[in-house]
PDB file of N, CA and C in Angstrom:
ATOM      1  N   MET A   1     220.583 149.622  52.580  1.00  0.00           N
ATOM      2  CA  MET A   1     220.960 148.364  51.994  1.00  0.00           C
ATOM      3  C   MET A   1     219.753 147.002  52.082  1.00  0.00           C
ATOM      4  N   GLN A   2     219.681 146.909  53.075  1.00  0.00           N
ATOM      5  CA  GLN A   2     218.508 145.895  53.245  1.00  0.00           C
ATOM      6  C   GLN A   2     217.659 145.845  52.535  1.00  0.00           C
ATOM      7  N   ILE A   3     216.748 146.632  52.151  1.00  0.00           N
ATOM      8  CA  ILE A   3     215.825 146.683  51.655  1.00  0.00           C
ATOM      9  C   ILE A   3     215.443 146.464  49.844  1.00  0.00           C
ATOM     10  N   ARG A   4     217.066 146.654  49.564  1.00  0.00           N
ATOM     11  CA  ARG A   4     217.463 146.672  47.918  1.00  0.00           C
ATOM     12  C   ARG A   4     217.611 145.493  48.333  1.00  0.00           C
ATOM     13  N   LEU A   5     218.837 144.621  49.417  1.00  0.00           N
ATOM     14  CA  LEU A   5     218.473 143.269  48.995  1.00  0.00           C
ATOM     15  C   LEU A   5     217.550 142.269  49.302  1.00  0.00           C
ATOM     16  N   ALA A   6     216.394 142.638  50.273  1.00  0.00           N
ATOM     17  CA  ALA A   6     215.103 141.750  50.632  1.00  0.00           C
ATOM     18  C   ALA A   6     214.391 141.821  48.977  1.00  0.00           C
ATOM     19  N   ARG A   7     214.218 143.380  48.453  1.00  0.00           N
ATOM     20  CA  ARG A   7     213.581 142.984  47.560  1.00  0.00           C
ATOM     21  C   ARG A   7     214.281 142.165  46.062  1.00  0.00           C
ATOM     22  N   THR A   8     215.333 142.127  45.950  1.00  0.00           N
ATOM     23  CA  THR A   8     216.258 141.263  45.110  1.00  0.00           C
ATOM     24  C   THR A   8     216.001 139.387  45.353  1.00  0.00           C
ATOM     25  N   ALA A   9     216.037 139.801  46.599  1.00  0.00           N
ATOM     26  CA  ALA A   9     215.691 138.225  47.031  1.00  0.00           C
ATOM     27  C   ALA A   9     214.523 137.386  46.716  1.00  0.00           C
ATOM     28  N   LEU A  10     213.508 138.612  46.603  1.00  0.00           N
ATOM     29  CA  LEU A  10     211.822 138.408  46.829  1.00  0.00           C
ATOM     30  C   LEU A  10     211.884 138.190  45.311  1.00  0.00           C
ATOM     31  N   GLY A  11     212.765 139.156  44.684  1.00  0.00           N
ATOM     32  CA  GLY A  11     212.521 138.972  42.602  1.00  0.00           C
ATOM     33  C   GLY A  11     211.472 140.268  42.487  1.00  0.00           C
ATOM     34  N   LEU A  12     211.546 140.898  43.726  1.00  0.00           N
ATOM     35  CA  LEU A  12     211.121 142.121  43.355  1.00  0.00           C
ATOM     36  C   LEU A  12     211.400 142.874  42.339  1.00  0.00           C
ATOM     37  N   GLY A  13     210.584 143.823  41.696  1.00  0.00           N
ATOM     38  CA  GLY A  13     211.162 145.166  41.054  1.00  0.00           C
ATOM     39  C   GLY A  13     210.990 146.478  41.541  1.00  0.00           C
ATOM     40  N   VAL A  14     211.509 147.776  41.741  1.00  0.00           N
ATOM     41  CA  VAL A  14     211.470 148.557  42.278  1.00  0.00           C
ATOM     42  C   VAL A  14     209.852 149.104  42.313  1.00  0.00           C
ATOM     43  N   ARG A  15     209.043 148.631  41.164  1.00  0.00           N
ATOM     44  CA  ARG A  15     207.424 148.967  40.960  1.00  0.00           C
ATOM     45  C   ARG A  15     206.922 148.399  41.800  1.00  0.00           C
ATOM     46  N   GLU A  16     207.602 146.976  41.192  1.00  0.00           N
ATOM     47  CA  GLU A  16     206.375 145.859  42.581  1.00  0.00           C
ATOM     48  C   GLU A  16     206.363 145.996  44.039  1.00  0.00           C
ATOM     49  N   LEU A  17     207.579 146.425  44.409  1.00  0.00           N
ATOM     50  CA  LEU A  17     207.179 146.459  45.550  1.00  0.00           C
ATOM     51  C   LEU A  17     207.018 148.247  46.438  1.00  0.00           C
ATOM     52  N   GLY A  18     206.619 149.148  45.638  1.00  0.00           N
ATOM     53  CA  GLY A  18     206.171 149.700  46.051  1.00  0.00           C
ATOM     54  C   GLY A  18     205.253 150.337  45.296  1.00  0.00           C
ATOM     55  N   THR A  19     204.548 149.678  44.496  1.00  0.00           N
ATOM     56  CA  THR A  19     203.074 149.270  44.009  1.00  0.00           C
ATOM     57  C   THR A  19     202.509 148.658  45.676  1.00  0.00           C
ATOM     58  N   ALA A  20     202.850 147.491  46.169  1.00  0.00           N
ATOM     59  CA  ALA A  20     202.732 147.006  47.156  1.00  0.00           C
ATOM     60  C   ALA A  20     202.592 147.842  48.271  1.00  0.00           C
ATOM     61  N   ALA A  21     203.775 147.905  48.794  1.00  0.00           N
ATOM     62  CA  ALA A  21     203.564 149.087  49.896  1.00  0.00           C
ATOM     63  C   ALA A  21     202.751 150.385  49.626  1.00  0.00           C
ATOM     64  N   GLY A  22     202.341 150.667  48.475  1.00  0.00           N
ATOM     65  CA  GLY A  22     201.444 151.872  48.492  1.00  0.00           C
ATOM     66  C   GLY A  22     202.420 152.875  48.721  1.00  0.00           C
ATOM     67  N   VAL A  23     203.383 153.100  48.081  1.00  0.00           N
ATOM     68  CA  VAL A  23     204.415 153.993  47.545  1.00  0.00           C
ATOM     69  C   VAL A  23     205.053 154.554  46.440  1.00  0.00           C
ATOM     70  N   SER A  24     205.884 155.831  46.183  1.00  0.00           N
ATOM     71  CA  SER A  24     205.734 155.728  44.402  1.00  0.00           C
ATOM     72  C   SER A  24     206.899 154.928  44.224  1.00  0.00           C
ATOM     73  N   PRO A  25     207.488 154.117  43.070  1.00  0.00           N
ATOM     74  CA  PRO A  25     208.659 153.720  43.388  1.00  0.00           C
ATOM     75  C   PRO A  25     209.793 154.628  43.093  1.00  0.00           C
ATOM     76  N   SER A  26     209.714 155.873  42.396  1.00  0.00           N
ATOM     77  CA  SER A  26     211.002 156.581  42.555  1.00  0.00           C
ATOM     78  C   SER A  26     211.211 157.098  44.015  1.00  0.00           C
ATOM     79  N   THR A  27     210.419 156.803  45.608  1.00  0.00           N
ATOM     80  CA  THR A  27     210.728 157.150  46.343  1.00  0.00           C
ATOM     81  C   THR A  27     211.783 155.557  46.984  1.00  0.00           C
ATOM     82  N   VAL A  28     211.198 154.268  46.568  1.00  0.00           N
ATOM     83  CA  VAL A  28     211.948 152.989  46.958  1.00  0.00           C
ATOM     84  C   VAL A  28     213.603 153.337  46.282  1.00  0.00           C
ATOM     85  N   GLN A  29     213.494 153.361  45.462  1.00  0.00           N
ATOM     86  CA  GLN A  29     214.511 154.181  43.917  1.00  0.00           C
ATOM     87  C   GLN A  29     215.473 155.198  44.539  1.00  0.00           C
ATOM     88  N   ARG A  30     214.848 156.294  45.420  1.00  0.00           N
ATOM     89  CA  ARG A  30     215.777 157.177  46.081  1.00  0.00           C
ATOM     90  C   ARG A  30     216.397 156.708  47.294  1.00  0.00           C
ATOM     91  N   PHE A  31     215.370 155.958  48.152  1.00  0.00           N
ATOM     92  CA  PHE A  31     216.149 155.142  48.754  1.00  0.00           C
ATOM     93  C   PHE A  31     217.553 154.592  48.953  1.00  0.00           C
ATOM     94  N   GLU A  32     216.560 153.224  48.362  1.00  0.00           N
ATOM     95  CA  GLU A  32     217.829 152.428  48.175  1.00  0.00           C
ATOM     96  C   GLU A  32     219.397 152.759  47.656  1.00  0.00           C
ATOM     97  N   SER A  33     219.229 154.371  46.769  1.00  0.00           N
ATOM     98  CA  SER A  33     220.219 154.412  46.538  1.00  0.00           C
ATOM     99  C   SER A  33     221.240 155.368  47.302  1.00  0.00           C
ATOM    100  N   GLY A  34     220.419 155.446  48.231  1.00  0.00           N
ATOM    101  CA  GLY A  34     221.232 156.635  49.305  1.00  0.00           C
ATOM    102  C   GLY A  34     220.616 158.368  48.990  1.00  0.00           C
ATOM    103  N   ILE A  35     219.883 158.631  47.736  1.00  0.00           N
ATOM    104  CA  ILE A  35     219.633 160.180  47.773  1.00  0.00           C
ATOM    105  C   ILE A  35     218.777 160.868  48.699  1.00  0.00           C
ATOM    106  N   GLY A  36     218.095 159.892  49.056  1.00  0.00           N
ATOM    107  CA  GLY A  36     217.319 161.019  50.367  1.00  0.00           C
ATOM    108  C   GLY A  36     216.409 159.742  51.201  1.00  0.00           C
ATOM    109  N   GLY A  37     216.580 159.975  52.338  1.00  0.00           N
ATOM    110  CA  GLY A  37     215.483 159.748  53.333  1.00  0.00           C
ATOM    111  C   GLY A  37     214.187 159.076  53.471  1.00  0.00           C
ATOM    112  N   MET A  38     213.803 158.365  54.513  1.00  0.00           N
ATOM    113  CA  MET A  38     212.201 158.164  54.441  1.00  0.00           C
ATOM    114  C   MET A  38     211.555 157.895  56.076  1.00  0.00           C
ATOM    115  N   GLN A  39     210.405 158.262  55.659  1.00  0.00           N
ATOM    116  CA  GLN A  39     209.618 158.721  56.801  1.00  0.00           C
ATOM    117  C   GLN A  39     209.609 157.491  57.218  1.00  0.00           C
ATOM    118  N   THR A  40     209.643 157.265  58.622  1.00  0.00           N
ATOM    119  CA  THR A  40     209.500 155.973  59.488  1.00  0.00           C
ATOM    120  C   THR A  40     207.875 154.862  58.934  1.00  0.00           C
ATOM    121  N   ARG A  41     207.069 155.747  58.924  1.00  0.00           N
ATOM    122  CA  ARG A  41     206.077 155.377  58.122  1.00  0.00           C
ATOM    123  C   ARG A  41     205.744 154.353  57.008  1.00  0.00           C
ATOM    124  N   THR A  42     206.632 155.195  56.266  1.00  0.00           N
ATOM    125  CA  THR A  42     206.816 154.796  54.854  1.00  0.00           C
ATOM    126  C   THR A  42     207.771 153.750  54.767  1.00  0.00           C
ATOM    127  N   LEU A  43     208.774 153.309  55.802  1.00  0.00           N
ATOM    128  CA  LEU A  43     209.916 152.129  55.864  1.00  0.00           C
ATOM    129  C   LEU A  43     209.153 151.293  56.660  1.00  0.00           C
ATOM    130  N   GLU A  44     208.583 151.300  57.095  1.00  0.00           N
ATOM    131  CA  GLU A  44     207.722 150.289  57.910  1.00  0.00           C
ATOM    132  C   GLU A  44     206.635 149.300  56.973  1.00  0.00           C
ATOM    133  N   ARG A  45     206.331 150.075  56.333  1.00  0.00           N
ATOM    134  CA  ARG A  45     204.742 149.616  55.268  1.00  0.00           C
ATOM    135  C   ARG A  45     205.876 149.008  54.216  1.00  0.00           C
ATOM    136  N   LEU A  46     207.255 149.587  54.018  1.00  0.00           N
ATOM    137  CA  LEU A  46     208.035 148.900  52.972  1.00  0.00           C
ATOM    138  C   LEU A  46     208.248 146.998  53.701  1.00  0.00           C
ATOM    139  N   GLN A  47     209.114 147.501  55.047  1.00  0.00           N
ATOM    140  CA  GLN A  47     209.215 146.291  55.930  1.00  0.00           C
ATOM    141  C   GLN A  47     208.577 145.198  55.711  1.00  0.00           C
ATOM    142  N   THR A  48     207.078 145.789  56.055  1.00  0.00           N
ATOM    143  CA  THR A  48     205.750 144.666  55.920  1.00  0.00           C
ATOM    144  C   THR A  48     205.723 144.029  55.329  1.00  0.00           C
ATOM    145  N   VAL A  49     205.839 144.734  53.679  1.00  0.00           N
ATOM    146  CA  VAL A  49     205.126 144.024  52.205  1.00  0.00           C
ATOM    147  C   VAL A  49     206.676 143.053  52.508  1.00  0.00           C
ATOM    148  N   LEU A  50     208.215 142.760  52.859  1.00  0.00           N
ATOM    149  CA  LEU A  50     208.825 142.282  52.455  1.00  0.00           C
ATOM    150  C   LEU A  50     209.071 141.248  53.583  1.00  0.00           C
ATOM    151  N   GLU A  51     208.533 141.483  54.910  1.00  0.00           N
ATOM    152  CA  GLU A  51     208.338 140.426  55.477  1.00  0.00           C
ATOM    153  C   GLU A  51     206.568 139.713  55.523  1.00  0.00           C
ATOM    154  N   ASP A  52     206.321 140.118  54.839  1.00  0.00           N
ATOM    155  CA  ASP A  52     205.069 139.402  54.921  1.00  0.00           C
ATOM    156  C   ASP A  52     205.451 138.398  53.501  1.00  0.00           C
ATOM    157  N   GLY A  53     206.336 138.751  52.521  1.00  0.00           N
ATOM    158  CA  GLY A  53     206.962 137.932  51.491  1.00  0.00           C
ATOM    159  C   GLY A  53     207.947 136.698  52.077  1.00  0.00           C
ATOM    160  N   GLY A  54     208.606 137.051  52.692  1.00  0.00           N
ATOM    161  CA  GLY A  54     209.531 135.617  53.922  1.00  0.00           C
ATOM    162  C   GLY A  54     210.489 136.645  54.051  1.00  0.00           C
ATOM    163  N   ILE A  55     211.059 137.463  54.237  1.00  0.00           N
ATOM    164  CA  ILE A  55     212.093 138.150  54.358  1.00  0.00           C
ATOM    165  C   ILE A  55     212.219 138.570  55.960  1.00  0.00           C
ATOM    166  N   ILE A  56     213.237 137.835  56.385  1.00  0.00           N
ATOM    167  CA  ILE A  56     213.959 138.280  57.870  1.00  0.00           C
ATOM    168  C   ILE A  56     215.071 139.491  57.849  1.00  0.00           C
ATOM    169  N   PHE A  57     214.916 140.381  58.656  1.00  0.00           N
ATOM    170  CA  PHE A  57     215.637 141.463  58.863  1.00  0.00           C
ATOM    171  C   PHE A  57     216.636 141.464  59.789  1.00  0.00           C
ATOM    172  N   ILE A  58     217.973 141.296  59.590  1.00  0.00           N
ATOM    173  CA  ILE A  58     218.687 140.948  60.993  1.00  0.00           C
ATOM    174  C   ILE A  58     219.693 142.134  61.318  1.00  0.00           C
ATOM    175  N   PRO A  59     219.915 141.989  62.129  1.00  0.00           N
ATOM    176  CA  PRO A  59     220.493 143.603  62.890  1.00  0.00           C
ATOM    177  C   PRO A  59     221.959 143.821  62.917  1.00  0.00           C
ATOM    178  N   ALA A  60     222.241 144.410  62.649  1.00  0.00           N
ATOM    179  CA  ALA A  60     224.324 144.126  63.040  1.00  0.00           C
ATOM    180  C   ALA A  60     224.670 144.101  64.539  1.00  0.00           C
ATOM    181  N   ASP A  61     225.149 143.173  64.307  1.00  0.00           N
ATOM    182  CA  ASP A  61     225.984 142.485  65.648  1.00  0.00           C
ATOM    183  C   ASP A  61     227.282 143.065  65.748  1.00  0.00           C
ATOM    184  N   ALA A  62     228.092 141.629  67.303  1.00  0.00           N
ATOM    185  CA  ALA A  62     229.432 141.627  67.214  1.00  0.00           C
ATOM    186  C   ALA A  62     230.249 141.377  65.944  1.00  0.00           C
ATOM    187  N   GLY A  63     228.770 140.619  65.191  1.00  0.00           N
ATOM    188  CA  GLY A  63     229.874 139.423  64.297  1.00  0.00           C
ATOM    189  C   GLY A  63     229.355 139.874  62.509  1.00  0.00           C
ATOM    190  N   GLY A  64     228.865 141.065  62.798  1.00  0.00           N
ATOM    191  CA  GLY A  64     228.890 141.438  61.286  1.00  0.00           C
ATOM    192  C   GLY A  64     227.800 142.460  61.134  1.00  0.00           C
ATOM    193  N   GLY A  65     227.497 143.227  59.988  1.00  0.00           N
ATOM    194  CA  GLY A  65     226.558 144.246  59.731  1.00  0.00           C
ATOM    195  C   GLY A  65     225.034 143.383  59.740  1.00  0.00           C
ATOM    196  N   PRO A  66     224.333 144.338  59.671  1.00  0.00           N
ATOM    197  CA  PRO A  66     222.717 143.827  59.187  1.00  0.00           C
ATOM    198  C   PRO A  66     222.715 143.105  57.592  1.00  0.00           C
ATOM    199  N   GLY A  67     221.989 142.324  57.780  1.00  0.00           N
ATOM    200  CA  GLY A  67     221.990 141.504  56.673  1.00  0.00           C
ATOM    201  C   GLY A  67     219.942 141.008  56.376  1.00  0.00           C
ATOM    202  N   VAL A  68     219.839 140.625  55.707  1.00  0.00           N
ATOM    203  CA  VAL A  68     218.555 140.039  55.742  1.00  0.00           C
ATOM    204  C   VAL A  68     218.414 138.735  55.207  1.00  0.00           C
ATOM    205  N   ARG A  69     217.787 137.370  55.588  1.00  0.00           N
ATOM    206  CA  ARG A  69     217.398 136.146  55.063  1.00  0.00           C
ATOM    207  C   ARG A  69     216.055 135.587  54.776  1.00  0.00           C
ATOM    208  N   LEU A  70     216.046 134.726  54.015  1.00  0.00           N
ATOM    209  CA  LEU A  70     214.650 134.816  53.935  1.00  0.00           C
ATOM    210  C   LEU A  70     213.447 132.993  54.793  1.00  0.00           C
ATOM    211  N   LYS A  71     212.466 133.306  55.194  1.00  0.00           N
ATOM    212  CA  LYS A  71     212.396 132.356  55.440  1.00  0.00           C
ATOM    213  C   LYS A  71     212.102 131.056  55.778  1.00  0.00           C
ATOM    214  N   ALA A  72     212.705 129.750  56.089  1.00  0.00           N
ATOM    215  CA  ALA A  72     212.456 128.133  55.662  1.00  0.00           C
ATOM    216  C   ALA A  72     211.199 127.941  55.692  1.00  0.00           C
TER     217      ALA A  72
END
């Protein structure tokens, strides 16, 4: 869910994120829909693209579940 939230917050489509990360749009779409897993290296590439775009990933803690935030 964090990947989809981050992508949406940056106004990126599945195709744009996939291209920027060097993966197919179908890989991004499958992962976001929960249909398929993803290799750690692929997930790291997506995370890097999103973080470079201004996303901060927030882990789950006692106050709530995982989320995303835009850098100020």
